[in-house]
């Protein structure tokens, strides 16, 4: 399997994980299958869609509808198995998958934007963050629940740190681009996993006036 193929299948897995989190987000709210499919698709491709609109690039899922089909399929499976999806241990696994998916999409977006030379060096980091968390923010707003950014959840900080570090690597050590990308994905995921496992939170004083 080539690096491109591995990246594609990793993206598919991350897309499915994002879509499934939509079902967990609306548990016990009486939403029908159509609502779940819409919310799952928005969660999975929303952030990347915003990124491509800002970049004035072809929307990624329009060029490859596999992202939509995977999102819809994962959402449907999760809807019919929602009692399992929202169960404690399974939901915890979804959180880890979501953390990995966010890390992968964030670093992939930074790399993509950097290659376009768009707004270097800040724009790739910003758009990496938007790609990773944009769909989740729309999911939470539509589901009528507080977004992760408006809580003490240690979610965006690992992504911001990893995106910034990768931008630094691209600036100072471009020859380590591939290794740097893999390392930054791993770093963001491990920080998020630690936050989930040990229930880490942002210090309260950072969120108050």
Foldseek 3Di string as FASTA:
>chain_A
DDPVVVLVVLLLLLLLLQLLVLLLLQPPVPDDLVVSLVLQLLRRQVLQQVLCVVVVHPRPCVVPVSSSVSSNVSSNVCNVVVVQCNDDVNVLVSLLSLQLSLLSQLLVQLVVVVVVVPPPPPVSLVSSLSNRCVSVVVSCVVSVHDGPVLFQQPRSVLSSVLSVQLSVCCVPPVVCNVVSSVVSSVRSSVVNNVCSVVVDTHDPVVVDD
